[in-house]
C-alpha atoms as a PDB file:
ATOM      1  CA  MET A   1    -131.419 -62.251  14.992  1.00  0.00           C
ATOM      2  CA  MET A   2    -134.814 -62.166  13.311  1.00  0.00           C
ATOM      3  CA  ASN A   3    -137.013 -65.289  13.386  1.00  0.00           C
ATOM      4  CA  PRO A   4    -138.402 -66.574  10.087  1.00  0.00           C
ATOM      5  CA  PRO A   5    -142.100 -65.898   9.543  1.00  0.00           C
ATOM      6  CA  ALA A   6    -144.515 -68.477  10.899  1.00  0.00           C
ATOM      7  CA  VAL A   7    -146.691 -68.419   7.778  1.00  0.00           C
ATOM      8  CA  SER A   8    -146.019 -67.865   4.074  1.00  0.00           C
ATOM      9  CA  VAL A   9    -149.049 -67.030   1.927  1.00  0.00           C
ATOM     10  CA  ILE A  10    -148.639 -67.713  -1.791  1.00  0.00           C
ATOM     11  CA  ILE A  11    -151.024 -65.919  -4.151  1.00  0.00           C
ATOM     12  CA  PRO A  12    -150.265 -66.586  -7.812  1.00  0.00           C
ATOM     13  CA  PHE A  13    -151.612 -63.885 -10.112  1.00  0.00           C
ATOM     14  CA  PHE A  14    -151.010 -62.595 -13.621  1.00  0.00           C
ATOM     15  CA  ASN A  15    -151.709 -59.091 -14.893  1.00  0.00           C
ATOM     16  CA  ALA A  16    -152.995 -58.032 -11.491  1.00  0.00           C
ATOM     17  CA  GLU A  17    -152.310 -54.891  -9.476  1.00  0.00           C
ATOM     18  CA  LYS A  18    -149.173 -55.068  -7.304  1.00  0.00           C
ATOM     19  CA  PHE A  19    -149.283 -54.661  -3.558  1.00  0.00           C
ATOM     20  CA  GLY A  20    -146.655 -53.183  -1.232  1.00  0.00           C
ATOM     21  CA  GLY A  21    -145.796 -53.154   2.432  1.00  0.00           C
ATOM     22  CA  ARG A  22    -144.775 -56.440   4.015  1.00  0.00           C
ATOM     23  CA  LEU A  23    -145.512 -58.457   0.896  1.00  0.00           C
ATOM     24  CA  LYS A  24    -142.736 -59.663  -1.372  1.00  0.00           C
ATOM     25  CA  ILE A  25    -143.533 -59.773  -5.055  1.00  0.00           C
ATOM     26  CA  TYR A  26    -141.746 -62.323  -7.252  1.00  0.00           C
ATOM     27  CA  ASP A  27    -142.404 -61.773 -10.933  1.00  0.00           C
ATOM     28  CA  ASN A  28    -142.453 -64.500 -13.550  1.00  0.00           C
ATOM     29  CA  VAL A  29    -140.936 -63.500 -16.863  1.00  0.00           C
ATOM     30  CA  LYS A  30    -143.989 -64.996 -18.589  1.00  0.00           C
ATOM     31  CA  ASN A  31    -147.335 -66.431 -17.529  1.00  0.00           C
ATOM     32  CA  SER A  32    -146.157 -69.784 -16.152  1.00  0.00           C
ATOM     33  CA  LYS A  33    -149.568 -70.925 -14.924  1.00  0.00           C
ATOM     34  CA  ALA A  34    -150.448 -71.527 -11.277  1.00  0.00           C
ATOM     35  CA  ALA A  35    -148.794 -74.944 -10.764  1.00  0.00           C
ATOM     36  CA  VAL A  36    -145.357 -73.828 -11.969  1.00  0.00           C
ATOM     37  CA  THR A  37    -145.609 -70.615  -9.954  1.00  0.00           C
ATOM     38  CA  ARG A  38    -146.643 -72.495  -6.793  1.00  0.00           C
ATOM     39  CA  ASN A  39    -143.718 -74.900  -7.067  1.00  0.00           C
ATOM     40  CA  LYS A  40    -141.273 -72.025  -7.564  1.00  0.00           C
ATOM     41  CA  ASP A  41    -142.750 -70.107  -4.634  1.00  0.00           C
ATOM     42  CA  LEU A  42    -142.641 -73.161  -2.353  1.00  0.00           C
ATOM     43  CA  GLN A  43    -138.881 -73.236  -2.891  1.00  0.00           C
ATOM     44  CA  ILE A  44    -138.450 -69.589  -1.821  1.00  0.00           C
ATOM     45  CA  SER A  45    -141.060 -69.471   0.985  1.00  0.00           C
ATOM     46  CA  ARG A  46    -139.672 -69.112   4.493  1.00  0.00           C
ATOM     47  CA  GLY A  47    -142.682 -69.748   6.714  1.00  0.00           C
ATOM     48  CA  GLU A  48    -143.112 -72.813   8.854  1.00  0.00           C
ATOM     49  CA  TYR A  49    -146.604 -73.145   7.361  1.00  0.00           C
ATOM     50  CA  VAL A  50    -147.562 -72.379   3.755  1.00  0.00           C
ATOM     51  CA  PHE A  51    -151.023 -71.268   2.664  1.00  0.00           C
ATOM     52  CA  PHE A  52    -152.110 -71.074  -0.984  1.00  0.00           C
ATOM     53  CA  PHE A  53    -154.645 -68.376  -1.786  1.00  0.00           C
ATOM     54  CA  ASP A  54    -155.866 -68.034  -5.365  1.00  0.00           C
ATOM     55  CA  ALA A  55    -157.306 -64.909  -6.951  1.00  0.00           C
ATOM     56  CA  ASP A  56    -160.801 -66.461  -7.021  1.00  0.00           C
ATOM     57  CA  ASP A  57    -160.762 -67.586  -3.354  1.00  0.00           C
ATOM     58  CA  LEU A  58    -162.763 -65.756  -0.682  1.00  0.00           C
ATOM     59  CA  ALA A  59    -161.233 -64.965   2.689  1.00  0.00           C
END
């Protein structure tokens, strides 16, 4: 049995290049703005900890 991930990272973006690999992409049908997207993604995240990272944030 696989353990759930320890961390979920939520990066809302619109009209941005898609990434592959271990990332899961959830598309909005329309541009729902960041707050709506974050709330939706919080419901589907599986990590024990959740980190929000916006397109204009520096890591």
